[in-house]
Amino acid sequence: MTTDPAATVGLSHVPDLDSLELLLQVAGTGSFGRAAAAHGVSQPAVSARVAAMEGLVGFPLVERSARGSSLTAQGALVADWARDVLQAASALATGIASLRADRDARLRVAASLTVAEYLVPRWLVRFAADHPDTAVSLAAVNSSAVEESVLAGDADLGFVEGPRVAAALGSAVVAVDRLVVVVPPGHPWARRRRPLTGQELVATRMVHREPASGTRTAFVAAVARFGAPAVPVMELSTTSAVRSAVLAGAGPAVLSTMAVENDVAANRLVVVPVADVDLSRQLRAVWPRGRRPAGPAGDLLRIAGRSERSAGRPADRVAARPERGPRTPAASAT
């Protein structure tokens, strides 16, 4: 039984592409000096590279004489093969550049509703300044749907609000948010002298987002030690709908500080302090595990992280309403 030599030969004796290109320049110019000038290096560097190639392949490639430099018979064969290799490498480089151009031509983002409404727009403004030719699409859905979109390859980068992400996803924290309990000024809780307790929260029927939303998931996790929350007064699929329902008097709700900041400042809503429940949450970027975002997606990820670090914690902008009588500290934002 014979063995095909090609099947057992590795690449350990194959010069790199730059060295092969240099060999062709020596062959074409007939001179180490002219090859050095064409390659942008010194003549001694060319001599050293050729010697290194000859040591690598195991036979002479170039003959030097008073008339100049020429390839040996073996060197001429290597040069012929090198032309094919360099041509194939050029085609490979062109193909890769084309694929990168296709990737860089668009960016598909999926974000949970709160992040999509209050954070992503300003990130995209900064992104567009650096990528004017990249077309961006943003899908605003709940956190569960964001994860599904990223895993299905329908989004290049996702942003979610939940306390944990699917095992198949990689993630990075880009911001910290705080949920707050809000009521309209006429609600009894708006006049409370003491903070709410976790037990009161789970016992009270409230206006909630749907179960798959990041806000609902974060709230349920935060009050888990007090038991399951009461059946909602109503479940609504958007943050804006929940906010509108609270303004209309449907009941209390737990929302991001970003969603109620203007209403609190205008006294349309009141933030009710909570004593023993940590309602802070991490906002995360997500992508398929093992494939950290590159190109436009990687750039947006960096912009998001830098933007929120430089702006400080967005959750800290809304404080609970000062209480009447003895002061009681508002809930921690940590």
C-alpha atoms as a PDB file:
ATOM      1  CA  MET A   1       0.000   0.000   0.000  1.00  0.00           C
ATOM      2  CA  THR A   2       1.448   3.368  -1.015  1.00  0.00           C
ATOM      3  CA  THR A   3       0.966   6.624   0.836  1.00  0.00           C
ATOM      4  CA  ASP A   4       0.188   9.842  -0.962  1.00  0.00           C
ATOM      5  CA  PRO A   5       2.964  12.249   0.089  1.00  0.00           C
ATOM      6  CA  ALA A   6       0.553  15.183  -0.234  1.00  0.00           C
ATOM      7  CA  ALA A   7      -1.664  13.617   2.390  1.00  0.00           C
ATOM      8  CA  THR A   8       1.110  13.569   4.999  1.00  0.00           C
ATOM      9  CA  VAL A   9       2.812  16.905   4.261  1.00  0.00           C
ATOM     10  CA  GLY A  10       1.801  19.791   6.491  1.00  0.00           C
ATOM     11  CA  LEU A  11       2.399  23.506   6.070  1.00  0.00           C
ATOM     12  CA  SER A  12       5.477  23.729   8.267  1.00  0.00           C
ATOM     13  CA  HIS A  13       7.762  24.087   5.220  1.00  0.00           C
ATOM     14  CA  VAL A  14       5.567  26.588   3.355  1.00  0.00           C
ATOM     15  CA  PRO A  15       6.748  30.235   3.347  1.00  0.00           C
ATOM     16  CA  ASP A  16       4.261  32.950   4.297  1.00  0.00           C
ATOM     17  CA  LEU A  17       2.539  35.055   1.635  1.00  0.00           C
ATOM     18  CA  ASP A  18       4.805  38.056   2.132  1.00  0.00           C
ATOM     19  CA  SER A  19       7.902  35.909   1.593  1.00  0.00           C
ATOM     20  CA  LEU A  20       6.427  34.353  -1.551  1.00  0.00           C
ATOM     21  CA  GLU A  21       5.696  37.823  -2.916  1.00  0.00           C
ATOM     22  CA  LEU A  22       9.284  38.832  -2.195  1.00  0.00           C
ATOM     23  CA  LEU A  23      10.569  35.759  -4.059  1.00  0.00           C
ATOM     24  CA  LEU A  24       8.549  36.773  -7.123  1.00  0.00           C
ATOM     25  CA  GLN A  25       9.992  40.284  -6.943  1.00  0.00           C
ATOM     26  CA  VAL A  26      13.525  38.864  -6.893  1.00  0.00           C
ATOM     27  CA  ALA A  27      12.631  36.738  -9.912  1.00  0.00           C
ATOM     28  CA  GLY A  28      11.075  39.677 -11.743  1.00  0.00           C
ATOM     29  CA  THR A  29      13.817  42.236 -11.055  1.00  0.00           C
ATOM     30  CA  GLY A  30      16.846  39.930 -11.083  1.00  0.00           C
ATOM     31  CA  SER A  31      18.274  41.912  -8.175  1.00  0.00           C
ATOM     32  CA  PHE A  32      18.052  41.838  -4.400  1.00  0.00           C
ATOM     33  CA  GLY A  33      18.480  45.616  -4.358  1.00  0.00           C
ATOM     34  CA  ARG A  34      15.614  46.317  -6.770  1.00  0.00           C
ATOM     35  CA  ALA A  35      13.419  43.742  -5.021  1.00  0.00           C
ATOM     36  CA  ALA A  36      14.176  45.478  -1.712  1.00  0.00           C
ATOM     37  CA  ALA A  37      13.165  48.868  -3.143  1.00  0.00           C
ATOM     38  CA  ALA A  38       9.939  47.446  -4.581  1.00  0.00           C
ATOM     39  CA  HIS A  39       9.121  45.734  -1.296  1.00  0.00           C
ATOM     40  CA  GLY A  40       9.966  48.743   0.848  1.00  0.00           C
ATOM     41  CA  VAL A  41      12.702  47.048   2.872  1.00  0.00           C
ATOM     42  CA  SER A  42      16.503  47.062   2.952  1.00  0.00           C
ATOM     43  CA  GLN A  43      18.670  44.802   0.781  1.00  0.00           C
ATOM     44  CA  PRO A  44      20.064  42.974   3.839  1.00  0.00           C
ATOM     45  CA  ALA A  45      16.473  42.293   4.903  1.00  0.00           C
ATOM     46  CA  VAL A  46      15.773  40.696   1.506  1.00  0.00           C
ATOM     47  CA  SER A  47      18.904  38.561   1.796  1.00  0.00           C
ATOM     48  CA  ALA A  48      17.842  37.443   5.271  1.00  0.00           C
ATOM     49  CA  ARG A  49      14.301  36.619   4.149  1.00  0.00           C
ATOM     50  CA  VAL A  50      15.517  34.584   1.169  1.00  0.00           C
ATOM     51  CA  ALA A  51      17.956  32.704   3.389  1.00  0.00           C
ATOM     52  CA  ALA A  52      15.138  32.013   5.854  1.00  0.00           C
ATOM     53  CA  MET A  53      12.934  30.704   3.026  1.00  0.00           C
ATOM     54  CA  GLU A  54      15.697  28.433   1.795  1.00  0.00           C
ATOM     55  CA  GLY A  55      16.155  27.092   5.313  1.00  0.00           C
ATOM     56  CA  LEU A  56      12.420  26.525   5.576  1.00  0.00           C
ATOM     57  CA  VAL A  57      11.970  24.652   2.283  1.00  0.00           C
ATOM     58  CA  GLY A  58      15.279  22.809   2.533  1.00  0.00           C
ATOM     59  CA  PHE A  59      16.867  23.704  -0.816  1.00  0.00           C
ATOM     60  CA  PRO A  60      18.340  26.751  -2.626  1.00  0.00           C
ATOM     61  CA  LEU A  61      15.876  29.120  -4.272  1.00  0.00           C
ATOM     62  CA  VAL A  62      18.127  31.879  -5.636  1.00  0.00           C
ATOM     63  CA  GLU A  63      21.540  31.936  -7.293  1.00  0.00           C
ATOM     64  CA  ARG A  64      23.564  35.135  -6.934  1.00  0.00           C
ATOM     65  CA  SER A  65      26.272  36.090  -9.429  1.00  0.00           C
ATOM     66  CA  ALA A  66      28.047  39.168 -10.748  1.00  0.00           C
ATOM     67  CA  ARG A  67      25.280  39.532 -13.326  1.00  0.00           C
ATOM     68  CA  GLY A  68      22.536  39.586 -10.677  1.00  0.00           C
ATOM     69  CA  SER A  69      20.208  37.128  -9.010  1.00  0.00           C
ATOM     70  CA  SER A  70      18.186  34.365 -10.653  1.00  0.00           C
ATOM     71  CA  LEU A  71      16.027  31.522  -9.437  1.00  0.00           C
ATOM     72  CA  THR A  72      17.307  27.975  -9.287  1.00  0.00           C
ATOM     73  CA  ALA A  73      15.311  25.322 -11.110  1.00  0.00           C
ATOM     74  CA  GLN A  74      13.633  24.430  -7.834  1.00  0.00           C
ATOM     75  CA  GLY A  75      13.149  28.120  -7.052  1.00  0.00           C
ATOM     76  CA  ALA A  76      11.421  28.623 -10.412  1.00  0.00           C
ATOM     77  CA  LEU A  77       8.965  25.830  -9.604  1.00  0.00           C
ATOM     78  CA  VAL A  78       8.261  27.344  -6.194  1.00  0.00           C
ATOM     79  CA  ALA A  79       7.727  30.739  -7.859  1.00  0.00           C
ATOM     80  CA  ASP A  80       5.204  29.233 -10.302  1.00  0.00           C
ATOM     81  CA  TRP A  81       3.272  27.694  -7.429  1.00  0.00           C
ATOM     82  CA  ALA A  82       3.586  30.928  -5.456  1.00  0.00           C
ATOM     83  CA  ARG A  83       1.813  32.853  -8.235  1.00  0.00           C
ATOM     84  CA  ASP A  84      -1.177  30.531  -7.930  1.00  0.00           C
ATOM     85  CA  VAL A  85      -1.148  30.818  -4.141  1.00  0.00           C
ATOM     86  CA  LEU A  86      -0.962  34.630  -4.207  1.00  0.00           C
ATOM     87  CA  GLN A  87      -3.722  34.815  -6.804  1.00  0.00           C
ATOM     88  CA  ALA A  88      -5.928  32.582  -4.636  1.00  0.00           C
ATOM     89  CA  ALA A  89      -5.059  34.658  -1.562  1.00  0.00           C
ATOM     90  CA  SER A  90      -6.043  37.818  -3.429  1.00  0.00           C
ATOM     91  CA  ALA A  91      -9.386  36.264  -4.365  1.00  0.00           C
ATOM     92  CA  LEU A  92      -9.860  35.235  -0.733  1.00  0.00           C
ATOM     93  CA  ALA A  93      -9.096  38.778   0.461  1.00  0.00           C
ATOM     94  CA  THR A  94     -11.557  40.213  -2.061  1.00  0.00           C
ATOM     95  CA  GLY A  95     -14.262  37.797  -0.929  1.00  0.00           C
ATOM     96  CA  ILE A  96     -13.686  38.577   2.734  1.00  0.00           C
ATOM     97  CA  ALA A  97     -13.807  42.312   2.006  1.00  0.00           C
ATOM     98  CA  SER A  98     -17.103  41.812   0.190  1.00  0.00           C
ATOM     99  CA  LEU A  99     -18.578  39.899   3.120  1.00  0.00           C
ATOM    100  CA  ARG A 100     -17.382  42.570   5.543  1.00  0.00           C
ATOM    101  CA  ALA A 101     -18.928  45.256   3.352  1.00  0.00           C
ATOM    102  CA  ASP A 102     -22.245  43.375   3.381  1.00  0.00           C
ATOM    103  CA  ARG A 103     -22.044  43.071   7.162  1.00  0.00           C
ATOM    104  CA  ASP A 104     -21.152  46.737   7.592  1.00  0.00           C
ATOM    105  CA  ALA A 105     -23.961  47.884   5.286  1.00  0.00           C
ATOM    106  CA  ARG A 106     -26.669  47.125   7.862  1.00  0.00           C
ATOM    107  CA  LEU A 107     -27.227  46.685  11.575  1.00  0.00           C
ATOM    108  CA  ARG A 108     -30.272  44.908  12.981  1.00  0.00           C
ATOM    109  CA  VAL A 109     -31.013  45.695  16.609  1.00  0.00           C
ATOM    110  CA  ALA A 110     -33.683  44.201  18.863  1.00  0.00           C
ATOM    111  CA  ALA A 111     -34.359  45.859  22.209  1.00  0.00           C
ATOM    112  CA  SER A 112     -36.830  45.488  25.028  1.00  0.00           C
ATOM    113  CA  LEU A 113     -39.400  48.250  25.069  1.00  0.00           C
ATOM    114  CA  THR A 114     -37.960  50.415  27.845  1.00  0.00           C
ATOM    115  CA  VAL A 115     -34.445  50.264  26.426  1.00  0.00           C
ATOM    116  CA  ALA A 116     -35.717  50.813  22.881  1.00  0.00           C
ATOM    117  CA  GLU A 117     -37.701  53.885  23.850  1.00  0.00           C
ATOM    118  CA  TYR A 118     -35.377  55.637  26.286  1.00  0.00           C
ATOM    119  CA  LEU A 119     -31.791  54.548  25.571  1.00  0.00           C
ATOM    120  CA  VAL A 120     -31.254  53.077  22.109  1.00  0.00           C
ATOM    121  CA  PRO A 121     -32.224  56.235  20.155  1.00  0.00           C
ATOM    122  CA  ARG A 122     -29.391  58.286  21.630  1.00  0.00           C
ATOM    123  CA  TRP A 123     -26.957  55.404  21.115  1.00  0.00           C
ATOM    124  CA  LEU A 124     -27.984  55.213  17.467  1.00  0.00           C
ATOM    125  CA  VAL A 125     -27.473  58.957  16.972  1.00  0.00           C
ATOM    126  CA  ARG A 126     -23.860  58.548  18.084  1.00  0.00           C
ATOM    127  CA  PHE A 127     -23.511  55.395  15.993  1.00  0.00           C
ATOM    128  CA  ALA A 128     -24.816  57.151  12.860  1.00  0.00           C
ATOM    129  CA  ALA A 129     -22.211  59.888  13.226  1.00  0.00           C
ATOM    130  CA  ASP A 130     -19.469  57.262  12.816  1.00  0.00           C
ATOM    131  CA  HIS A 131     -21.346  55.003  10.367  1.00  0.00           C
ATOM    132  CA  PRO A 132     -23.292  57.277   8.006  1.00  0.00           C
ATOM    133  CA  ASP A 133     -23.593  54.564   5.349  1.00  0.00           C
ATOM    134  CA  THR A 134     -24.892  51.809   7.631  1.00  0.00           C
ATOM    135  CA  ALA A 135     -28.644  51.174   7.501  1.00  0.00           C
ATOM    136  CA  VAL A 136     -30.024  50.501  10.987  1.00  0.00           C
ATOM    137  CA  SER A 137     -33.283  48.784  11.913  1.00  0.00           C
ATOM    138  CA  LEU A 138     -34.646  48.575  15.458  1.00  0.00           C
ATOM    139  CA  ALA A 139     -37.275  46.085  16.625  1.00  0.00           C
ATOM    140  CA  ALA A 140     -38.890  47.008  19.960  1.00  0.00           C
ATOM    141  CA  VAL A 141     -40.241  43.841  21.609  1.00  0.00           C
ATOM    142  CA  ASN A 142     -40.204  42.294  25.077  1.00  0.00           C
ATOM    143  CA  SER A 143     -37.021  40.785  26.507  1.00  0.00           C
ATOM    144  CA  SER A 144     -38.012  37.196  25.734  1.00  0.00           C
ATOM    145  CA  ALA A 145     -38.640  38.059  22.085  1.00  0.00           C
ATOM    146  CA  VAL A 146     -35.302  39.905  21.918  1.00  0.00           C
ATOM    147  CA  GLU A 147     -33.463  36.767  22.991  1.00  0.00           C
ATOM    148  CA  GLU A 148     -35.364  34.659  20.468  1.00  0.00           C
ATOM    149  CA  SER A 149     -34.556  37.135  17.691  1.00  0.00           C
ATOM    150  CA  VAL A 150     -30.839  37.128  18.483  1.00  0.00           C
ATOM    151  CA  LEU A 151     -30.661  33.332  18.711  1.00  0.00           C
ATOM    152  CA  ALA A 152     -32.548  32.977  15.410  1.00  0.00           C
ATOM    153  CA  GLY A 153     -30.084  35.295  13.662  1.00  0.00           C
ATOM    154  CA  ASP A 154     -32.747  37.910  12.983  1.00  0.00           C
ATOM    155  CA  ALA A 155     -30.910  40.543  15.059  1.00  0.00           C
ATOM    156  CA  ASP A 156     -27.191  41.297  15.177  1.00  0.00           C
ATOM    157  CA  LEU A 157     -27.377  42.654  18.724  1.00  0.00           C
ATOM    158  CA  GLY A 158     -30.045  42.693  21.417  1.00  0.00           C
ATOM    159  CA  PHE A 159     -30.729  44.642  24.607  1.00  0.00           C
ATOM    160  CA  VAL A 160     -32.789  43.155  27.437  1.00  0.00           C
ATOM    161  CA  GLU A 161     -34.029  44.108  30.910  1.00  0.00           C
ATOM    162  CA  GLY A 162     -34.452  40.751  32.639  1.00  0.00           C
ATOM    163  CA  PRO A 163     -32.372  39.532  35.618  1.00  0.00           C
ATOM    164  CA  ARG A 164     -30.906  36.657  33.606  1.00  0.00           C
ATOM    165  CA  VAL A 165     -30.408  35.624  29.983  1.00  0.00           C
ATOM    166  CA  ALA A 166     -30.573  32.324  28.114  1.00  0.00           C
ATOM    167  CA  ALA A 167     -27.560  30.034  28.481  1.00  0.00           C
ATOM    168  CA  ALA A 168     -26.984  30.150  24.725  1.00  0.00           C
ATOM    169  CA  LEU A 169     -26.373  33.905  24.850  1.00  0.00           C
ATOM    170  CA  GLY A 170     -23.345  35.957  25.761  1.00  0.00           C
ATOM    171  CA  SER A 171     -24.050  39.226  27.521  1.00  0.00           C
ATOM    172  CA  ALA A 172     -22.590  42.405  28.976  1.00  0.00           C
ATOM    173  CA  VAL A 173     -24.108  44.952  31.341  1.00  0.00           C
ATOM    174  CA  VAL A 174     -24.474  48.321  29.596  1.00  0.00           C
ATOM    175  CA  ALA A 175     -26.529  50.243  32.169  1.00  0.00           C
ATOM    176  CA  VAL A 176     -28.247  50.028  35.542  1.00  0.00           C
ATOM    177  CA  ASP A 177     -31.899  50.960  35.891  1.00  0.00           C
ATOM    178  CA  ARG A 178     -34.230  51.200  38.875  1.00  0.00           C
ATOM    179  CA  LEU A 179     -37.867  50.233  38.958  1.00  0.00           C
ATOM    180  CA  VAL A 180     -40.194  52.360  41.061  1.00  0.00           C
ATOM    181  CA  VAL A 181     -43.745  52.020  42.309  1.00  0.00           C
ATOM    182  CA  VAL A 182     -45.894  54.839  40.918  1.00  0.00           C
ATOM    183  CA  VAL A 183     -49.425  56.043  41.577  1.00  0.00           C
ATOM    184  CA  PRO A 184     -51.409  59.147  40.596  1.00  0.00           C
ATOM    185  CA  PRO A 185     -51.520  61.974  43.185  1.00  0.00           C
ATOM    186  CA  GLY A 186     -55.054  61.026  44.274  1.00  0.00           C
ATOM    187  CA  HIS A 187     -54.138  57.457  45.215  1.00  0.00           C
ATOM    188  CA  PRO A 188     -53.938  56.658  48.972  1.00  0.00           C
ATOM    189  CA  TRP A 189     -50.322  55.508  48.578  1.00  0.00           C
ATOM    190  CA  ALA A 190     -49.351  59.007  47.435  1.00  0.00           C
ATOM    191  CA  ARG A 191     -50.024  60.213  50.999  1.00  0.00           C
ATOM    192  CA  ARG A 192     -48.319  57.376  52.868  1.00  0.00           C
ATOM    193  CA  ARG A 193     -46.052  58.288  55.753  1.00  0.00           C
ATOM    194  CA  ARG A 194     -44.174  54.970  55.692  1.00  0.00           C
ATOM    195  CA  PRO A 195     -42.507  53.094  52.818  1.00  0.00           C
ATOM    196  CA  LEU A 196     -44.276  50.134  51.302  1.00  0.00           C
ATOM    197  CA  THR A 197     -43.150  46.689  52.366  1.00  0.00           C
ATOM    198  CA  GLY A 198     -42.507  43.746  50.103  1.00  0.00           C
ATOM    199  CA  GLN A 199     -45.455  41.970  51.668  1.00  0.00           C
ATOM    200  CA  GLU A 200     -47.747  44.852  50.717  1.00  0.00           C
ATOM    201  CA  LEU A 201     -46.422  44.822  47.162  1.00  0.00           C
ATOM    202  CA  VAL A 202     -47.174  41.146  46.551  1.00  0.00           C
ATOM    203  CA  ALA A 203     -50.591  41.456  48.196  1.00  0.00           C
ATOM    204  CA  THR A 204     -51.706  44.401  46.048  1.00  0.00           C
ATOM    205  CA  ARG A 205     -53.282  44.015  42.641  1.00  0.00           C
ATOM    206  CA  MET A 206     -51.342  46.202  40.225  1.00  0.00           C
ATOM    207  CA  VAL A 207     -51.131  47.136  36.559  1.00  0.00           C
ATOM    208  CA  HIS A 208     -48.376  45.016  35.009  1.00  0.00           C
ATOM    209  CA  ARG A 209     -46.598  44.342  31.757  1.00  0.00           C
ATOM    210  CA  GLU A 210     -47.019  40.891  30.240  1.00  0.00           C
ATOM    211  CA  PRO A 211     -45.178  37.978  31.967  1.00  0.00           C
ATOM    212  CA  ALA A 212     -42.419  37.723  29.312  1.00  0.00           C
ATOM    213  CA  SER A 213     -41.401  41.358  29.675  1.00  0.00           C
ATOM    214  CA  GLY A 214     -38.157  42.316  31.392  1.00  0.00           C
ATOM    215  CA  THR A 215     -39.935  44.699  33.762  1.00  0.00           C
ATOM    216  CA  ARG A 216     -42.402  42.045  34.950  1.00  0.00           C
ATOM    217  CA  THR A 217     -39.675  39.416  35.271  1.00  0.00           C
ATOM    218  CA  ALA A 218     -37.432  41.755  37.275  1.00  0.00           C
ATOM    219  CA  PHE A 219     -40.279  42.686  39.625  1.00  0.00           C
ATOM    220  CA  VAL A 220     -41.284  39.065  40.259  1.00  0.00           C
ATOM    221  CA  ALA A 221     -37.651  38.168  41.005  1.00  0.00           C
ATOM    222  CA  ALA A 222     -37.259  41.144  43.365  1.00  0.00           C
ATOM    223  CA  VAL A 223     -40.281  40.201  45.507  1.00  0.00           C
ATOM    224  CA  ALA A 224     -39.870  36.415  45.279  1.00  0.00           C
ATOM    225  CA  ARG A 225     -39.014  36.026  48.976  1.00  0.00           C
ATOM    226  CA  PHE A 226     -42.389  37.524  49.879  1.00  0.00           C
ATOM    227  CA  GLY A 227     -44.363  35.152  47.672  1.00  0.00           C
ATOM    228  CA  ALA A 228     -46.093  35.333  44.306  1.00  0.00           C
ATOM    229  CA  PRO A 229     -47.577  38.723  43.368  1.00  0.00           C
ATOM    230  CA  ALA A 230     -51.346  39.115  43.378  1.00  0.00           C
ATOM    231  CA  VAL A 231     -53.288  38.687  40.154  1.00  0.00           C
ATOM    232  CA  PRO A 232     -52.830  41.888  38.106  1.00  0.00           C
ATOM    233  CA  VAL A 233     -55.609  44.405  37.699  1.00  0.00           C
ATOM    234  CA  MET A 234     -54.638  44.271  34.039  1.00  0.00           C
ATOM    235  CA  GLU A 235     -51.723  43.121  31.875  1.00  0.00           C
ATOM    236  CA  LEU A 236     -50.619  45.451  29.089  1.00  0.00           C
ATOM    237  CA  SER A 237     -48.048  44.859  26.384  1.00  0.00           C
ATOM    238  CA  THR A 238     -46.247  48.213  26.392  1.00  0.00           C
ATOM    239  CA  THR A 239     -44.727  50.509  28.984  1.00  0.00           C
ATOM    240  CA  SER A 240     -46.708  53.444  27.600  1.00  0.00           C
ATOM    241  CA  ALA A 241     -49.969  51.543  28.032  1.00  0.00           C
ATOM    242  CA  VAL A 242     -49.148  50.725  31.658  1.00  0.00           C
ATOM    243  CA  ARG A 243     -48.244  54.359  32.326  1.00  0.00           C
ATOM    244  CA  SER A 244     -51.490  55.579  30.748  1.00  0.00           C
ATOM    245  CA  ALA A 245     -53.517  53.117  32.810  1.00  0.00           C
ATOM    246  CA  VAL A 246     -51.913  54.358  36.029  1.00  0.00           C
ATOM    247  CA  LEU A 247     -52.565  57.978  35.051  1.00  0.00           C
ATOM    248  CA  ALA A 248     -56.200  57.032  34.450  1.00  0.00           C
ATOM    249  CA  GLY A 249     -56.473  55.560  37.954  1.00  0.00           C
ATOM    250  CA  ALA A 250     -56.348  51.827  37.168  1.00  0.00           C
ATOM    251  CA  GLY A 251     -53.988  51.152  40.062  1.00  0.00           C
ATOM    252  CA  PRO A 252     -50.319  51.188  41.067  1.00  0.00           C
ATOM    253  CA  ALA A 253     -47.604  49.949  38.731  1.00  0.00           C
ATOM    254  CA  VAL A 254     -43.907  49.195  38.765  1.00  0.00           C
ATOM    255  CA  LEU A 255     -42.091  51.002  35.962  1.00  0.00           C
ATOM    256  CA  SER A 256     -38.611  52.146  35.042  1.00  0.00           C
ATOM    257  CA  THR A 257     -37.603  55.544  36.373  1.00  0.00           C
ATOM    258  CA  MET A 258     -36.839  56.467  32.770  1.00  0.00           C
ATOM    259  CA  ALA A 259     -40.470  55.897  31.804  1.00  0.00           C
ATOM    260  CA  VAL A 260     -41.947  58.097  34.541  1.00  0.00           C
ATOM    261  CA  GLU A 261     -39.323  60.805  34.993  1.00  0.00           C
ATOM    262  CA  ASN A 262     -41.315  63.526  33.224  1.00  0.00           C
ATOM    263  CA  ASP A 263     -44.590  62.560  34.903  1.00  0.00           C
ATOM    264  CA  VAL A 264     -42.987  62.700  38.343  1.00  0.00           C
ATOM    265  CA  ALA A 265     -41.418  66.087  37.605  1.00  0.00           C
ATOM    266  CA  ALA A 266     -44.826  67.410  36.485  1.00  0.00           C
ATOM    267  CA  ASN A 267     -46.595  65.920  39.548  1.00  0.00           C
ATOM    268  CA  ARG A 268     -48.755  63.683  37.355  1.00  0.00           C
ATOM    269  CA  LEU A 269     -47.362  60.610  39.115  1.00  0.00           C
ATOM    270  CA  VAL A 270     -45.909  60.016  42.569  1.00  0.00           C
ATOM    271  CA  VAL A 271     -43.072  57.590  43.340  1.00  0.00           C
ATOM    272  CA  VAL A 272     -43.894  55.556  46.456  1.00  0.00           C
ATOM    273  CA  PRO A 273     -40.867  54.550  48.577  1.00  0.00           C
ATOM    274  CA  VAL A 274     -40.298  50.831  49.168  1.00  0.00           C
ATOM    275  CA  ALA A 275     -38.519  49.703  52.328  1.00  0.00           C
ATOM    276  CA  ASP A 276     -37.267  46.160  51.875  1.00  0.00           C
ATOM    277  CA  VAL A 277     -37.192  45.349  48.159  1.00  0.00           C
ATOM    278  CA  ASP A 278     -34.249  46.052  45.850  1.00  0.00           C
ATOM    279  CA  LEU A 279     -35.809  47.145  42.565  1.00  0.00           C
ATOM    280  CA  SER A 280     -32.561  47.915  40.752  1.00  0.00           C
ATOM    281  CA  ARG A 281     -31.828  45.913  37.626  1.00  0.00           C
ATOM    282  CA  GLN A 282     -29.095  45.512  35.053  1.00  0.00           C
ATOM    283  CA  LEU A 283     -29.725  46.260  31.394  1.00  0.00           C
ATOM    284  CA  ARG A 284     -27.734  43.919  29.181  1.00  0.00           C
ATOM    285  CA  ALA A 285     -26.587  43.606  25.611  1.00  0.00           C
ATOM    286  CA  VAL A 286     -26.935  40.046  24.294  1.00  0.00           C
ATOM    287  CA  TRP A 287     -25.498  38.075  21.380  1.00  0.00           C
ATOM    288  CA  PRO A 288     -24.979  34.391  20.489  1.00  0.00           C
ATOM    289  CA  ARG A 289     -22.504  32.871  22.951  1.00  0.00           C
ATOM    290  CA  GLY A 290     -19.037  32.411  21.477  1.00  0.00           C
ATOM    291  CA  ARG A 291     -19.475  35.135  18.833  1.00  0.00           C
ATOM    292  CA  ARG A 292     -18.786  38.475  20.510  1.00  0.00           C
ATOM    293  CA  PRO A 293     -20.154  41.304  18.337  1.00  0.00           C
ATOM    294  CA  ALA A 294     -17.830  42.709  15.673  1.00  0.00           C
ATOM    295  CA  GLY A 295     -18.193  45.403  13.031  1.00  0.00           C
ATOM    296  CA  PRO A 296     -21.218  47.695  13.464  1.00  0.00           C
ATOM    297  CA  ALA A 297     -22.707  45.542  16.239  1.00  0.00           C
ATOM    298  CA  GLY A 298     -19.460  45.703  18.184  1.00  0.00           C
ATOM    299  CA  ASP A 299     -19.275  49.459  17.690  1.00  0.00           C
ATOM    300  CA  LEU A 300     -22.828  49.948  18.982  1.00  0.00           C
ATOM    301  CA  LEU A 301     -22.044  47.779  22.008  1.00  0.00           C
ATOM    302  CA  ARG A 302     -19.067  49.996  22.851  1.00  0.00           C
ATOM    303  CA  ILE A 303     -21.130  53.164  22.330  1.00  0.00           C
ATOM    304  CA  ALA A 304     -23.853  51.878  24.667  1.00  0.00           C
ATOM    305  CA  GLY A 305     -21.398  51.049  27.428  1.00  0.00           C
ATOM    306  CA  ARG A 306     -19.475  54.323  27.131  1.00  0.00           C
ATOM    307  CA  SER A 307     -22.647  56.393  26.911  1.00  0.00           C
ATOM    308  CA  GLU A 308     -24.170  55.088  30.122  1.00  0.00           C
ATOM    309  CA  ARG A 309     -20.896  55.193  32.058  1.00  0.00           C
ATOM    310  CA  SER A 310     -20.351  58.829  31.088  1.00  0.00           C
ATOM    311  CA  ALA A 311     -23.973  59.770  31.802  1.00  0.00           C
ATOM    312  CA  GLY A 312     -24.044  58.076  35.199  1.00  0.00           C
ATOM    313  CA  ARG A 313     -26.789  55.748  36.324  1.00  0.00           C
ATOM    314  CA  PRO A 314     -29.971  56.865  34.570  1.00  0.00           C
ATOM    315  CA  ALA A 315     -32.080  55.443  37.388  1.00  0.00           C
ATOM    316  CA  ASP A 316     -30.771  57.988  39.878  1.00  0.00           C
ATOM    317  CA  ARG A 317     -32.610  60.896  38.277  1.00  0.00           C
ATOM    318  CA  VAL A 318     -36.012  60.169  39.851  1.00  0.00           C
ATOM    319  CA  ALA A 319     -36.391  60.221  43.618  1.00  0.00           C
ATOM    320  CA  ALA A 320     -39.332  59.148  45.720  1.00  0.00           C
ATOM    321  CA  ARG A 321     -41.646  61.914  46.843  1.00  0.00           C
ATOM    322  CA  PRO A 322     -40.614  63.413  50.222  1.00  0.00           C
ATOM    323  CA  GLU A 323     -42.924  62.113  52.938  1.00  0.00           C
ATOM    324  CA  ARG A 324     -44.922  64.175  55.343  1.00  0.00           C
ATOM    325  CA  GLY A 325     -43.875  64.091  58.974  1.00  0.00           C
ATOM    326  CA  PRO A 326     -40.632  62.253  59.932  1.00  0.00           C
ATOM    327  CA  ARG A 327     -38.385  61.637  56.944  1.00  0.00           C
ATOM    328  CA  THR A 328     -37.908  58.059  55.851  1.00  0.00           C
ATOM    329  CA  PRO A 329     -35.110  57.272  53.358  1.00  0.00           C
ATOM    330  CA  ALA A 330     -36.236  56.363  49.862  1.00  0.00           C
ATOM    331  CA  ALA A 331     -35.504  52.905  48.520  1.00  0.00           C
ATOM    332  CA  SER A 332     -31.891  52.225  47.657  1.00  0.00           C
ATOM    333  CA  ALA A 333     -30.901  52.546  44.006  1.00  0.00           C
ATOM    334  CA  THR A 334     -28.046  50.103  44.319  1.00  0.00           C
END
